[in-house]
């Protein structure tokens, strides 16, 4: 037996549940990106690719291509809300590739779509922390039981830290595991 991380059970059906929720989170943030870049469809294409996987399509190069394109859109975005919204789409389209390794890093992939949704909405509200926390509560309330079961299989890792991202991640993790 090696010293590496153990594997957790994680099948395609569970990845599809995660991806459906991730796409819902990212889609909720899309208007913040599209307001500033109405002719840039890269984040929306990423969400559509994620949804297609969630509905039964296979994992293909389309997902990775959409993720890279949405990441480029995030880098090119003119404001923090738009950038975070595009990153929510990146996280959603990356959800089908979560590894079945029991590492805290994989939990960050589970959190990503909701975390970037919260950061996008918070930035759009001028940094109002109550807006980000409300989005985290929405994401937790919207999480299907299967997603909660998946999240519980992975170790939480270090959820300390004082950054805004750390605070939101901690709230999200506690809510998904609760």
C-alpha atoms as a PDB file:
ATOM      1  CA  UNK A   1       0.000   0.000   0.000  1.00  0.00           C
ATOM      2  CA  UNK A   2       1.409   3.406  -1.001  1.00  0.00           C
ATOM      3  CA  UNK A   3       1.665   6.591   0.972  1.00  0.00           C
ATOM      4  CA  UNK A   4      -0.489   8.565  -1.463  1.00  0.00           C
ATOM      5  CA  UNK A   5      -4.053   9.649  -0.890  1.00  0.00           C
ATOM      6  CA  UNK A   6      -6.697   6.972  -0.743  1.00  0.00           C
ATOM      7  CA  UNK A   7      -9.348   6.777  -3.406  1.00  0.00           C
ATOM      8  CA  UNK A   8     -13.007   7.454  -2.740  1.00  0.00           C
ATOM      9  CA  UNK A   9     -15.905   5.956  -4.601  1.00  0.00           C
ATOM     10  CA  UNK A  10     -16.959   8.387  -7.275  1.00  0.00           C
ATOM     11  CA  UNK A  11     -18.878   7.335 -10.344  1.00  0.00           C
ATOM     12  CA  UNK A  12     -20.153   9.113 -13.433  1.00  0.00           C
ATOM     13  CA  UNK A  13     -23.635   9.481 -11.943  1.00  0.00           C
ATOM     14  CA  UNK A  14     -22.189  11.345  -8.978  1.00  0.00           C
ATOM     15  CA  UNK A  15     -20.034  13.509 -11.228  1.00  0.00           C
ATOM     16  CA  UNK A  16     -23.195  14.339 -13.190  1.00  0.00           C
ATOM     17  CA  UNK A  17     -25.021  15.370  -9.994  1.00  0.00           C
ATOM     18  CA  UNK A  18     -22.080  17.579  -9.039  1.00  0.00           C
ATOM     19  CA  UNK A  19     -21.886  19.037 -12.544  1.00  0.00           C
ATOM     20  CA  UNK A  20     -25.607  19.813 -12.693  1.00  0.00           C
ATOM     21  CA  UNK A  21     -25.358  21.765  -9.423  1.00  0.00           C
ATOM     22  CA  UNK A  22     -22.142  23.426 -10.609  1.00  0.00           C
ATOM     23  CA  UNK A  23     -23.825  24.532 -13.841  1.00  0.00           C
ATOM     24  CA  UNK A  24     -26.753  25.964 -11.862  1.00  0.00           C
ATOM     25  CA  UNK A  25     -24.346  27.979  -9.705  1.00  0.00           C
ATOM     26  CA  UNK A  26     -22.370  29.242 -12.695  1.00  0.00           C
ATOM     27  CA  UNK A  27     -25.480  30.090 -14.682  1.00  0.00           C
ATOM     28  CA  UNK A  28     -26.668  32.244 -11.802  1.00  0.00           C
ATOM     29  CA  UNK A  29     -23.452  34.284 -12.127  1.00  0.00           C
ATOM     30  CA  UNK A  30     -23.441  34.563 -15.948  1.00  0.00           C
ATOM     31  CA  UNK A  31     -25.446  37.815 -16.161  1.00  0.00           C
ATOM     32  CA  UNK A  32     -22.618  39.553 -14.283  1.00  0.00           C
ATOM     33  CA  UNK A  33     -20.144  38.533 -16.966  1.00  0.00           C
ATOM     34  CA  UNK A  34     -22.488  39.157 -19.873  1.00  0.00           C
ATOM     35  CA  UNK A  35     -23.368  42.665 -18.674  1.00  0.00           C
ATOM     36  CA  UNK A  36     -19.800  43.756 -19.299  1.00  0.00           C
ATOM     37  CA  UNK A  37     -19.064  41.534 -22.286  1.00  0.00           C
ATOM     38  CA  UNK A  38     -22.338  40.843 -24.095  1.00  0.00           C
ATOM     39  CA  UNK A  39     -20.560  39.562 -27.207  1.00  0.00           C
ATOM     40  CA  UNK A  40     -18.323  37.110 -25.350  1.00  0.00           C
ATOM     41  CA  UNK A  41     -20.064  33.754 -25.161  1.00  0.00           C
ATOM     42  CA  UNK A  42     -17.171  31.732 -23.739  1.00  0.00           C
ATOM     43  CA  UNK A  43     -18.463  31.391 -20.148  1.00  0.00           C
ATOM     44  CA  UNK A  44     -21.985  30.565 -21.379  1.00  0.00           C
ATOM     45  CA  UNK A  45     -20.538  27.931 -23.722  1.00  0.00           C
ATOM     46  CA  UNK A  46     -18.697  26.438 -20.748  1.00  0.00           C
ATOM     47  CA  UNK A  47     -21.913  26.222 -18.734  1.00  0.00           C
ATOM     48  CA  UNK A  48     -23.706  24.663 -21.708  1.00  0.00           C
ATOM     49  CA  UNK A  49     -20.943  22.064 -22.083  1.00  0.00           C
ATOM     50  CA  UNK A  50     -21.183  21.268 -18.360  1.00  0.00           C
ATOM     51  CA  UNK A  51     -24.955  20.893 -18.645  1.00  0.00           C
ATOM     52  CA  UNK A  52     -24.594  18.586 -21.633  1.00  0.00           C
ATOM     53  CA  UNK A  53     -22.329  16.318 -19.581  1.00  0.00           C
ATOM     54  CA  UNK A  54     -24.740  16.460 -16.632  1.00  0.00           C
ATOM     55  CA  UNK A  55     -27.520  15.318 -18.967  1.00  0.00           C
ATOM     56  CA  UNK A  56     -25.593  12.317 -20.220  1.00  0.00           C
ATOM     57  CA  UNK A  57     -22.973  13.348 -22.758  1.00  0.00           C
ATOM     58  CA  UNK A  58     -19.538  11.813 -22.406  1.00  0.00           C
ATOM     59  CA  UNK A  59     -16.477  13.658 -21.185  1.00  0.00           C
ATOM     60  CA  UNK A  60     -14.838  14.969 -24.317  1.00  0.00           C
ATOM     61  CA  UNK A  61     -12.349  17.564 -25.454  1.00  0.00           C
ATOM     62  CA  UNK A  62     -15.285  20.003 -25.674  1.00  0.00           C
ATOM     63  CA  UNK A  63     -15.286  20.310 -21.880  1.00  0.00           C
ATOM     64  CA  UNK A  64     -11.585  21.088 -21.604  1.00  0.00           C
ATOM     65  CA  UNK A  65     -11.672  23.496 -24.534  1.00  0.00           C
ATOM     66  CA  UNK A  66     -14.618  25.336 -22.968  1.00  0.00           C
ATOM     67  CA  UNK A  67     -12.812  25.503 -19.625  1.00  0.00           C
ATOM     68  CA  UNK A  68      -9.683  27.059 -21.139  1.00  0.00           C
ATOM     69  CA  UNK A  69     -11.766  29.530 -23.137  1.00  0.00           C
ATOM     70  CA  UNK A  70     -13.757  30.608 -20.086  1.00  0.00           C
ATOM     71  CA  UNK A  71     -10.548  30.967 -18.085  1.00  0.00           C
ATOM     72  CA  UNK A  72      -9.216  33.288 -20.787  1.00  0.00           C
ATOM     73  CA  UNK A  73     -12.465  35.271 -20.581  1.00  0.00           C
ATOM     74  CA  UNK A  74     -11.976  35.587 -16.815  1.00  0.00           C
ATOM     75  CA  UNK A  75      -8.461  36.918 -17.307  1.00  0.00           C
ATOM     76  CA  UNK A  76      -9.678  39.422 -19.877  1.00  0.00           C
ATOM     77  CA  UNK A  77     -12.669  40.579 -17.843  1.00  0.00           C
ATOM     78  CA  UNK A  78     -12.703  44.235 -16.960  1.00  0.00           C
ATOM     79  CA  UNK A  79     -13.972  43.911 -13.412  1.00  0.00           C
ATOM     80  CA  UNK A  80     -13.816  41.485 -10.471  1.00  0.00           C
ATOM     81  CA  UNK A  81     -17.494  40.490 -10.684  1.00  0.00           C
ATOM     82  CA  UNK A  82     -17.206  39.504 -14.343  1.00  0.00           C
ATOM     83  CA  UNK A  83     -13.940  37.658 -13.722  1.00  0.00           C
ATOM     84  CA  UNK A  84     -15.423  35.672 -10.834  1.00  0.00           C
ATOM     85  CA  UNK A  85     -18.516  34.855 -12.902  1.00  0.00           C
ATOM     86  CA  UNK A  86     -16.336  33.464 -15.707  1.00  0.00           C
ATOM     87  CA  UNK A  87     -14.366  31.456 -13.123  1.00  0.00           C
ATOM     88  CA  UNK A  88     -17.633  29.962 -11.867  1.00  0.00           C
ATOM     89  CA  UNK A  89     -18.176  28.708 -15.420  1.00  0.00           C
ATOM     90  CA  UNK A  90     -14.625  27.293 -15.495  1.00  0.00           C
ATOM     91  CA  UNK A  91     -15.322  25.444 -12.252  1.00  0.00           C
ATOM     92  CA  UNK A  92     -18.614  24.090 -13.576  1.00  0.00           C
ATOM     93  CA  UNK A  93     -17.150  22.730 -16.784  1.00  0.00           C
ATOM     94  CA  UNK A  94     -14.267  21.241 -14.814  1.00  0.00           C
ATOM     95  CA  UNK A  95     -16.576  19.356 -12.434  1.00  0.00           C
ATOM     96  CA  UNK A  96     -16.760  16.245 -14.654  1.00  0.00           C
ATOM     97  CA  UNK A  97     -13.018  15.801 -14.088  1.00  0.00           C
ATOM     98  CA  UNK A  98     -12.973  15.733 -10.291  1.00  0.00           C
ATOM     99  CA  UNK A  99     -10.594  12.975  -9.224  1.00  0.00           C
ATOM    100  CA  UNK A 100     -11.625  10.194  -6.891  1.00  0.00           C
ATOM    101  CA  UNK A 101      -8.721  11.036  -4.584  1.00  0.00           C
ATOM    102  CA  UNK A 102      -9.398  11.838  -0.954  1.00  0.00           C
ATOM    103  CA  UNK A 103      -7.564  15.156  -0.940  1.00  0.00           C
ATOM    104  CA  UNK A 104      -8.611  18.621   0.222  1.00  0.00           C
ATOM    105  CA  UNK A 105      -7.709  19.865  -3.258  1.00  0.00           C
ATOM    106  CA  UNK A 106     -10.611  17.912  -4.745  1.00  0.00           C
ATOM    107  CA  UNK A 107     -12.977  19.551  -2.238  1.00  0.00           C
ATOM    108  CA  UNK A 108     -11.903  22.917  -3.637  1.00  0.00           C
ATOM    109  CA  UNK A 109     -13.166  21.689  -7.002  1.00  0.00           C
ATOM    110  CA  UNK A 110     -16.518  20.848  -5.433  1.00  0.00           C
ATOM    111  CA  UNK A 111     -16.700  24.300  -3.804  1.00  0.00           C
ATOM    112  CA  UNK A 112     -15.488  26.232  -6.847  1.00  0.00           C
ATOM    113  CA  UNK A 113     -18.706  26.987  -8.732  1.00  0.00           C
ATOM    114  CA  UNK A 114     -20.572  28.195  -5.633  1.00  0.00           C
ATOM    115  CA  UNK A 115     -17.559  30.027  -4.265  1.00  0.00           C
ATOM    116  CA  UNK A 116     -17.042  32.015  -7.471  1.00  0.00           C
ATOM    117  CA  UNK A 117     -20.783  32.669  -7.716  1.00  0.00           C
ATOM    118  CA  UNK A 118     -20.652  34.204  -4.230  1.00  0.00           C
ATOM    119  CA  UNK A 119     -17.532  36.217  -5.010  1.00  0.00           C
ATOM    120  CA  UNK A 120     -19.063  37.496  -8.261  1.00  0.00           C
ATOM    121  CA  UNK A 121     -22.305  38.610  -6.644  1.00  0.00           C
ATOM    122  CA  UNK A 122     -20.450  40.147  -3.708  1.00  0.00           C
ATOM    123  CA  UNK A 123     -18.140  42.113  -6.012  1.00  0.00           C
ATOM    124  CA  UNK A 124     -21.100  43.321  -8.052  1.00  0.00           C
ATOM    125  CA  UNK A 125     -22.684  44.564  -4.817  1.00  0.00           C
ATOM    126  CA  UNK A 126     -19.661  46.696  -4.007  1.00  0.00           C
ATOM    127  CA  UNK A 127     -18.078  44.139  -1.710  1.00  0.00           C
ATOM    128  CA  UNK A 128     -21.128  43.645   0.515  1.00  0.00           C
ATOM    129  CA  UNK A 129     -20.324  40.429   2.435  1.00  0.00           C
ATOM    130  CA  UNK A 130     -23.985  39.695   3.140  1.00  0.00           C
ATOM    131  CA  UNK A 131     -24.555  39.245  -0.607  1.00  0.00           C
ATOM    132  CA  UNK A 132     -21.817  36.621  -0.888  1.00  0.00           C
ATOM    133  CA  UNK A 133     -23.069  34.813   2.191  1.00  0.00           C
ATOM    134  CA  UNK A 134     -26.601  34.790   0.790  1.00  0.00           C
ATOM    135  CA  UNK A 135     -25.302  33.161  -2.409  1.00  0.00           C
ATOM    136  CA  UNK A 136     -23.514  30.517  -0.357  1.00  0.00           C
ATOM    137  CA  UNK A 137     -26.786  29.808   1.457  1.00  0.00           C
ATOM    138  CA  UNK A 138     -28.571  29.579  -1.908  1.00  0.00           C
ATOM    139  CA  UNK A 139     -25.950  27.113  -3.201  1.00  0.00           C
ATOM    140  CA  UNK A 140     -26.194  24.984  -0.061  1.00  0.00           C
ATOM    141  CA  UNK A 141     -29.985  24.974  -0.232  1.00  0.00           C
ATOM    142  CA  UNK A 142     -29.846  24.081  -3.912  1.00  0.00           C
ATOM    143  CA  UNK A 143     -27.393  21.190  -3.385  1.00  0.00           C
ATOM    144  CA  UNK A 144     -28.998  17.803  -3.966  1.00  0.00           C
ATOM    145  CA  UNK A 145     -28.493  15.087  -1.339  1.00  0.00           C
ATOM    146  CA  UNK A 146     -26.162  13.180  -3.668  1.00  0.00           C
ATOM    147  CA  UNK A 147     -23.821  16.148  -3.827  1.00  0.00           C
ATOM    148  CA  UNK A 148     -23.744  16.389  -0.057  1.00  0.00           C
ATOM    149  CA  UNK A 149     -22.814  12.702   0.125  1.00  0.00           C
ATOM    150  CA  UNK A 150     -19.974  13.239  -2.329  1.00  0.00           C
ATOM    151  CA  UNK A 151     -18.643  16.230  -0.372  1.00  0.00           C
ATOM    152  CA  UNK A 152     -18.628  14.226   2.861  1.00  0.00           C
ATOM    153  CA  UNK A 153     -16.349  11.569   1.318  1.00  0.00           C
ATOM    154  CA  UNK A 154     -13.514  14.042   0.866  1.00  0.00           C
ATOM    155  CA  UNK A 155     -11.418  15.515   3.679  1.00  0.00           C
ATOM    156  CA  UNK A 156     -12.126  19.168   4.365  1.00  0.00           C
ATOM    157  CA  UNK A 157      -8.488  20.122   4.742  1.00  0.00           C
ATOM    158  CA  UNK A 158      -7.386  23.414   6.227  1.00  0.00           C
ATOM    159  CA  UNK A 159     -10.399  25.700   6.214  1.00  0.00           C
ATOM    160  CA  UNK A 160      -8.659  28.368   8.244  1.00  0.00           C
ATOM    161  CA  UNK A 161      -7.583  31.657   6.872  1.00  0.00           C
ATOM    162  CA  UNK A 162      -8.936  35.154   7.022  1.00  0.00           C
ATOM    163  CA  UNK A 163      -9.335  35.952   3.353  1.00  0.00           C
ATOM    164  CA  UNK A 164     -12.815  36.502   2.062  1.00  0.00           C
ATOM    165  CA  UNK A 165     -12.450  33.413  -0.091  1.00  0.00           C
ATOM    166  CA  UNK A 166     -11.507  31.356   2.993  1.00  0.00           C
ATOM    167  CA  UNK A 167     -14.513  32.609   4.950  1.00  0.00           C
ATOM    168  CA  UNK A 168     -16.918  31.764   2.128  1.00  0.00           C
ATOM    169  CA  UNK A 169     -15.289  28.374   1.531  1.00  0.00           C
ATOM    170  CA  UNK A 170     -15.655  27.537   5.242  1.00  0.00           C
ATOM    171  CA  UNK A 171     -19.353  28.470   5.212  1.00  0.00           C
ATOM    172  CA  UNK A 172     -19.883  26.452   2.062  1.00  0.00           C
ATOM    173  CA  UNK A 173     -18.054  23.389   3.353  1.00  0.00           C
ATOM    174  CA  UNK A 174     -19.905  23.408   6.673  1.00  0.00           C
ATOM    175  CA  UNK A 175     -23.229  23.755   4.896  1.00  0.00           C
ATOM    176  CA  UNK A 176     -22.590  20.970   2.402  1.00  0.00           C
ATOM    177  CA  UNK A 177     -21.396  18.588   5.079  1.00  0.00           C
ATOM    178  CA  UNK A 178     -24.098  19.500   7.599  1.00  0.00           C
END
